[in-house]
N, C-alpha and C. Protein backbone atom coordinates (compact mmCIF):
# COMPACT_ATOMS: atom_id res chain seq x y z
N MET A 1 -3.79 -57.86 -25.89
CA MET A 1 -3.57 -57.06 -25.08
C MET A 1 -4.95 -56.14 -24.66
N PRO A 2 -5.46 -56.50 -23.59
CA PRO A 2 -6.94 -55.45 -23.63
C PRO A 2 -6.47 -53.84 -23.81
N LYS A 3 -7.69 -53.23 -24.71
CA LYS A 3 -7.37 -51.64 -24.78
C LYS A 3 -8.42 -51.38 -23.51
N ILE A 4 -7.91 -50.05 -23.05
CA ILE A 4 -8.74 -49.58 -22.32
C ILE A 4 -8.88 -47.68 -22.63
N SER A 5 -9.90 -47.19 -22.30
CA SER A 5 -10.07 -45.95 -22.54
C SER A 5 -10.13 -45.16 -21.23
N LEU A 6 -9.44 -43.91 -21.41
CA LEU A 6 -9.63 -43.24 -19.81
C LEU A 6 -9.45 -41.64 -20.45
N ASP A 7 -10.16 -40.98 -19.32
CA ASP A 7 -10.16 -38.98 -19.33
C ASP A 7 -8.98 -39.08 -18.43
N MET A 8 -8.24 -37.67 -19.15
CA MET A 8 -6.89 -37.37 -18.47
C MET A 8 -6.77 -35.55 -18.74
N PRO A 9 -6.53 -35.11 -17.81
CA PRO A 9 -6.86 -33.78 -18.03
C PRO A 9 -5.55 -33.30 -18.79
N ASN A 10 -5.77 -32.68 -19.89
CA ASN A 10 -4.85 -31.96 -20.90
C ASN A 10 -3.50 -31.50 -20.70
N GLU A 11 -3.25 -30.82 -19.78
CA GLU A 11 -1.98 -30.63 -19.07
C GLU A 11 -1.01 -32.13 -19.15
N ILE A 12 -1.54 -33.05 -18.34
CA ILE A 12 -0.91 -34.26 -18.13
C ILE A 12 -0.37 -34.77 -19.62
N VAL A 13 -1.37 -34.93 -20.60
CA VAL A 13 -1.12 -35.40 -21.39
C VAL A 13 -0.33 -34.47 -22.58
N GLU A 14 0.11 -33.31 -22.39
CA GLU A 14 0.79 -32.46 -22.96
C GLU A 14 2.30 -32.95 -22.55
N ASP A 15 1.92 -32.64 -21.11
CA ASP A 15 3.48 -33.11 -20.33
C ASP A 15 3.82 -34.31 -20.76
N LEU A 16 3.08 -35.61 -20.85
CA LEU A 16 3.58 -36.61 -21.62
C LEU A 16 4.27 -36.79 -22.98
N LYS A 17 3.54 -36.00 -24.15
CA LYS A 17 4.12 -35.66 -25.31
C LYS A 17 5.22 -35.13 -25.01
N GLY A 18 5.79 -34.49 -24.18
CA GLY A 18 7.15 -34.17 -24.25
C GLY A 18 8.24 -34.99 -24.28
N HIS A 19 7.94 -36.09 -23.67
CA HIS A 19 9.08 -37.31 -24.00
C HIS A 19 8.58 -38.31 -24.28
N VAL A 20 7.80 -38.09 -25.64
CA VAL A 20 7.56 -39.02 -26.45
C VAL A 20 8.24 -38.65 -27.75
N GLY A 21 8.67 -39.51 -28.74
CA GLY A 21 8.86 -39.72 -30.26
C GLY A 21 10.76 -39.92 -30.05
N ASP A 22 10.91 -39.86 -31.31
CA ASP A 22 12.31 -39.82 -31.63
C ASP A 22 13.29 -39.41 -30.65
N SER A 23 14.09 -40.13 -30.44
CA SER A 23 15.28 -39.76 -29.54
C SER A 23 14.99 -39.11 -28.07
N LYS A 24 13.72 -39.86 -27.64
CA LYS A 24 13.25 -39.65 -26.22
C LYS A 24 12.97 -40.57 -25.62
N LYS A 25 12.20 -40.56 -24.45
CA LYS A 25 12.19 -41.75 -23.50
C LYS A 25 11.03 -42.67 -23.93
N PHE A 26 10.43 -42.38 -24.41
CA PHE A 26 8.96 -43.22 -25.15
C PHE A 26 8.78 -43.11 -26.24
N VAL A 27 8.74 -44.27 -26.88
CA VAL A 27 8.41 -44.54 -28.43
C VAL A 27 6.57 -44.03 -28.47
N SER A 28 5.72 -44.12 -27.32
CA SER A 28 4.34 -43.58 -27.88
C SER A 28 4.04 -43.05 -26.46
N LEU A 29 2.99 -42.58 -26.65
CA LEU A 29 1.94 -42.22 -25.53
C LEU A 29 1.45 -43.10 -24.67
N ALA A 30 1.50 -44.19 -25.17
CA ALA A 30 0.86 -45.72 -24.47
C ALA A 30 1.98 -46.16 -23.83
N ASP A 31 3.25 -46.20 -24.38
CA ASP A 31 4.20 -46.93 -23.94
C ASP A 31 4.65 -45.93 -22.19
N ALA A 32 4.36 -44.41 -22.52
CA ALA A 32 4.90 -43.71 -21.45
C ALA A 32 3.71 -44.51 -20.19
N ILE A 33 2.36 -44.48 -20.64
CA ILE A 33 1.36 -44.69 -19.72
C ILE A 33 1.56 -46.05 -19.06
N ARG A 34 2.19 -46.92 -20.09
CA ARG A 34 2.31 -48.43 -19.46
C ARG A 34 3.17 -48.17 -18.37
N THR A 35 4.39 -47.57 -19.11
CA THR A 35 5.55 -47.39 -17.91
C THR A 35 5.17 -46.76 -16.53
N ALA A 36 4.18 -45.75 -16.57
CA ALA A 36 4.01 -45.01 -15.52
C ALA A 36 3.32 -46.00 -14.68
N CYS A 37 2.22 -46.59 -14.94
CA CYS A 37 1.61 -47.41 -14.26
C CYS A 37 2.54 -48.74 -13.73
N ARG A 38 3.11 -49.39 -14.59
CA ARG A 38 4.35 -50.43 -13.75
C ARG A 38 5.08 -49.67 -12.63
N LYS A 39 5.62 -48.91 -12.82
CA LYS A 39 6.35 -48.19 -11.90
C LYS A 39 5.57 -47.73 -10.62
N MET A 40 4.50 -47.34 -10.86
CA MET A 40 3.53 -46.78 -9.48
C MET A 40 3.22 -48.51 -9.07
N LEU A 41 2.62 -49.51 -9.57
CA LEU A 41 2.35 -50.86 -9.34
C LEU A 41 3.76 -51.35 -8.27
N ASP A 42 5.18 -51.16 -9.13
CA ASP A 42 5.91 -51.52 -8.28
C ASP A 42 6.49 -50.93 -6.58
N GLN A 43 6.14 -49.60 -6.71
CA GLN A 43 6.04 -48.41 -5.64
C GLN A 43 5.30 -49.21 -4.55
N LEU A 44 3.68 -49.30 -4.96
CA LEU A 44 2.68 -50.12 -4.08
C LEU A 44 3.10 -50.91 -3.56
N ASP A 45 3.89 -52.23 -4.32
CA ASP A 45 4.32 -53.34 -3.70
C ASP A 45 5.24 -53.06 -3.04
N GLU A 46 6.36 -52.19 -3.29
CA GLU A 46 7.09 -51.94 -2.08
C GLU A 46 6.74 -51.10 -0.93
N ILE A 47 5.66 -50.55 -0.74
CA ILE A 47 4.96 -49.60 0.15
C ILE A 47 4.18 -51.06 1.20
N ASP A 48 3.54 -51.99 0.53
CA ASP A 48 3.08 -53.02 1.06
C ASP A 48 3.73 -53.65 1.76
N HIS A 49 4.86 -54.37 0.98
CA HIS A 49 6.15 -54.94 1.85
C HIS A 49 6.45 -54.23 2.81
N ARG A 50 6.83 -53.10 2.87
CA ARG A 50 7.42 -52.78 4.25
C ARG A 50 6.22 -52.72 5.28
N HIS A 51 5.13 -52.82 4.99
CA HIS A 51 4.03 -52.44 5.93
C HIS A 51 3.26 -53.94 6.41
N GLY A 52 3.78 -55.04 5.86
CA GLY A 52 3.89 -56.52 5.86
C GLY A 52 2.15 -56.50 5.11
N ARG A 53 2.01 -56.19 4.49
CA ARG A 53 0.69 -56.52 3.72
C ARG A 53 0.71 -57.48 2.38
N LEU A 54 2.17 -57.73 2.45
CA LEU A 54 2.16 -58.58 0.84
C LEU A 54 2.55 -59.80 1.59
N GLU A 55 1.64 -60.89 0.73
CA GLU A 55 2.37 -62.36 1.06
C GLU A 55 3.69 -62.92 0.34
N GLU A 56 4.34 -63.88 1.21
CA GLU A 56 5.59 -63.77 0.40
C GLU A 56 5.48 -65.02 -0.47
């Protein structure tokens, strides 16, 4: 799996960390970011589909 590096505002990182850990939604910060990216891509695909921009 490729590794990436990115800059992110501290308030976003701290907000994400509130959802990471035992008994929380994500097991790691990386897991939270991957999940958010997947969800965003699904939403963009749905928007493209509604506007006829996706090939079947």
